[in-house]
Amino acid sequence: MSNKPDEANLLSPTISVDNSYRQSSKRYIALTLACCLLVSVYYCYDNPSALESQLTDPNGDFRLTNVNFNLLYSVYSFPNIVLPLIGD
C-alpha cells in the first residue's frame, strides 16, 4: 500500500462543520468589530467639519477665519496623503 494521498480527496476536500469558520460565531464578532472600526474612522475624519461653526464664530473663543479653518483641516489631513507613500 502506498503513502500517496488519494487523488479524489485532493480535488474535493471536505471541511468539517465543527471546524468551519463560516459557521463560527467569531466570524460575526470580527465583522462587527470591523464595522465599528470603519464607522469610528469616518467619524473622526469628519469631526472637524462638525466643529466649523463653533471654530469660525466671530464671537467665540477661537475666531478662526475660513482660510485658517481650511488650513487647519489641511494640516489635519496631510499625514493621510504622505504616510501611505512612505509606508509603501
Protein backbone atom coordinates (compact mmCIF):
# COMPACT_ATOMS: atom_id res chain seq x y z
CA MET A 1 0.00 0.00 0.00
CA SER A 2 1.42 3.42 -0.93
CA ASN A 3 1.54 6.53 1.27
CA LYS A 4 0.27 8.77 -1.53
CA PRO A 5 -2.88 10.73 -0.73
CA ASP A 6 -5.99 9.74 -2.56
CA GLU A 7 -6.39 11.85 -5.70
CA ALA A 8 -10.12 12.25 -5.18
CA ASN A 9 -9.52 13.81 -1.72
CA LEU A 10 -7.08 16.35 -3.16
CA LEU A 11 -9.58 17.58 -5.74
CA SER A 12 -12.57 17.92 -3.45
CA PRO A 13 -11.53 18.37 0.18
CA THR A 14 -14.26 18.30 2.74
CA ILE A 15 -14.47 20.72 5.63
CA SER A 16 -15.94 19.61 8.87
CA VAL A 17 -18.85 21.72 10.06
CA ASP A 18 -17.28 21.96 13.50
CA ASN A 19 -14.05 23.47 12.13
CA SER A 20 -15.67 25.71 9.54
CA TYR A 21 -15.06 29.43 10.03
CA ARG A 22 -18.31 30.12 8.22
CA GLN A 23 -20.33 28.56 10.99
CA SER A 24 -18.33 30.16 13.80
CA SER A 25 -19.62 32.99 15.95
CA LYS A 26 -16.12 34.51 15.82
CA ARG A 27 -16.86 35.47 12.23
CA TYR A 28 -19.71 37.73 13.30
CA ILE A 29 -17.68 39.23 16.13
CA ALA A 30 -14.88 40.10 13.68
CA LEU A 31 -17.41 41.54 11.22
CA THR A 32 -18.98 43.69 13.95
CA LEU A 33 -15.59 44.97 15.12
CA ALA A 34 -14.56 45.79 11.54
CA CYS A 35 -17.79 47.76 11.01
CA CYS A 36 -17.28 49.66 14.28
CA LEU A 37 -13.71 50.47 13.25
CA LEU A 38 -14.81 51.87 9.87
CA VAL A 39 -17.58 53.96 11.44
CA SER A 40 -15.18 55.40 14.01
CA VAL A 41 -12.56 56.22 11.35
CA TYR A 42 -15.08 58.14 9.24
CA TYR A 43 -16.47 59.87 12.34
CA CYS A 44 -13.02 61.04 13.44
CA TYR A 45 -12.09 62.13 9.92
CA ASP A 46 -15.22 64.26 9.53
CA ASN A 47 -15.27 65.59 13.10
CA PRO A 48 -13.58 68.96 12.30
CA SER A 49 -16.29 69.78 9.77
CA ALA A 50 -18.90 69.43 12.52
CA LEU A 51 -16.98 71.96 14.62
CA GLU A 52 -16.68 74.55 11.85
CA SER A 53 -19.48 76.80 13.12
CA GLN A 54 -18.00 76.90 16.64
CA LEU A 55 -14.44 77.49 15.45
CA THR A 56 -15.31 80.25 12.95
CA ASP A 57 -17.80 82.09 15.20
CA PRO A 58 -16.69 85.76 15.38
CA ASN A 59 -17.93 85.99 18.97
CA GLY A 60 -16.43 82.66 20.05
CA ASP A 61 -13.15 81.82 21.71
CA PHE A 62 -11.26 80.70 18.60
CA ARG A 63 -12.41 83.27 15.98
CA LEU A 64 -10.85 81.44 13.03
CA THR A 65 -11.37 82.76 9.54
CA ASN A 66 -12.44 80.39 6.79
CA VAL A 67 -8.88 80.35 5.45
CA ASN A 68 -7.46 79.43 8.87
CA PHE A 69 -10.08 76.73 9.34
CA ASN A 70 -9.32 75.22 5.92
CA LEU A 71 -5.61 75.35 6.71
CA LEU A 72 -6.30 73.52 9.97
CA TYR A 73 -8.28 70.89 8.07
CA SER A 74 -5.47 70.56 5.50
CA VAL A 75 -2.80 70.11 8.18
CA TYR A 76 -5.05 67.53 9.83
CA SER A 77 -5.41 65.60 6.54
CA PHE A 78 -1.84 65.96 5.27
CA PRO A 79 -0.43 62.86 7.06
CA ASN A 80 -3.08 60.73 5.31
CA ILE A 81 -1.55 61.80 2.00
CA VAL A 82 2.12 61.37 2.88
CA LEU A 83 2.20 58.31 5.14
CA PRO A 84 0.90 55.82 2.54
CA LEU A 85 3.69 56.91 0.21
CA ILE A 86 6.31 56.37 2.92
CA GLY A 87 4.81 53.11 4.13
CA ASP A 88 4.74 51.55 0.69
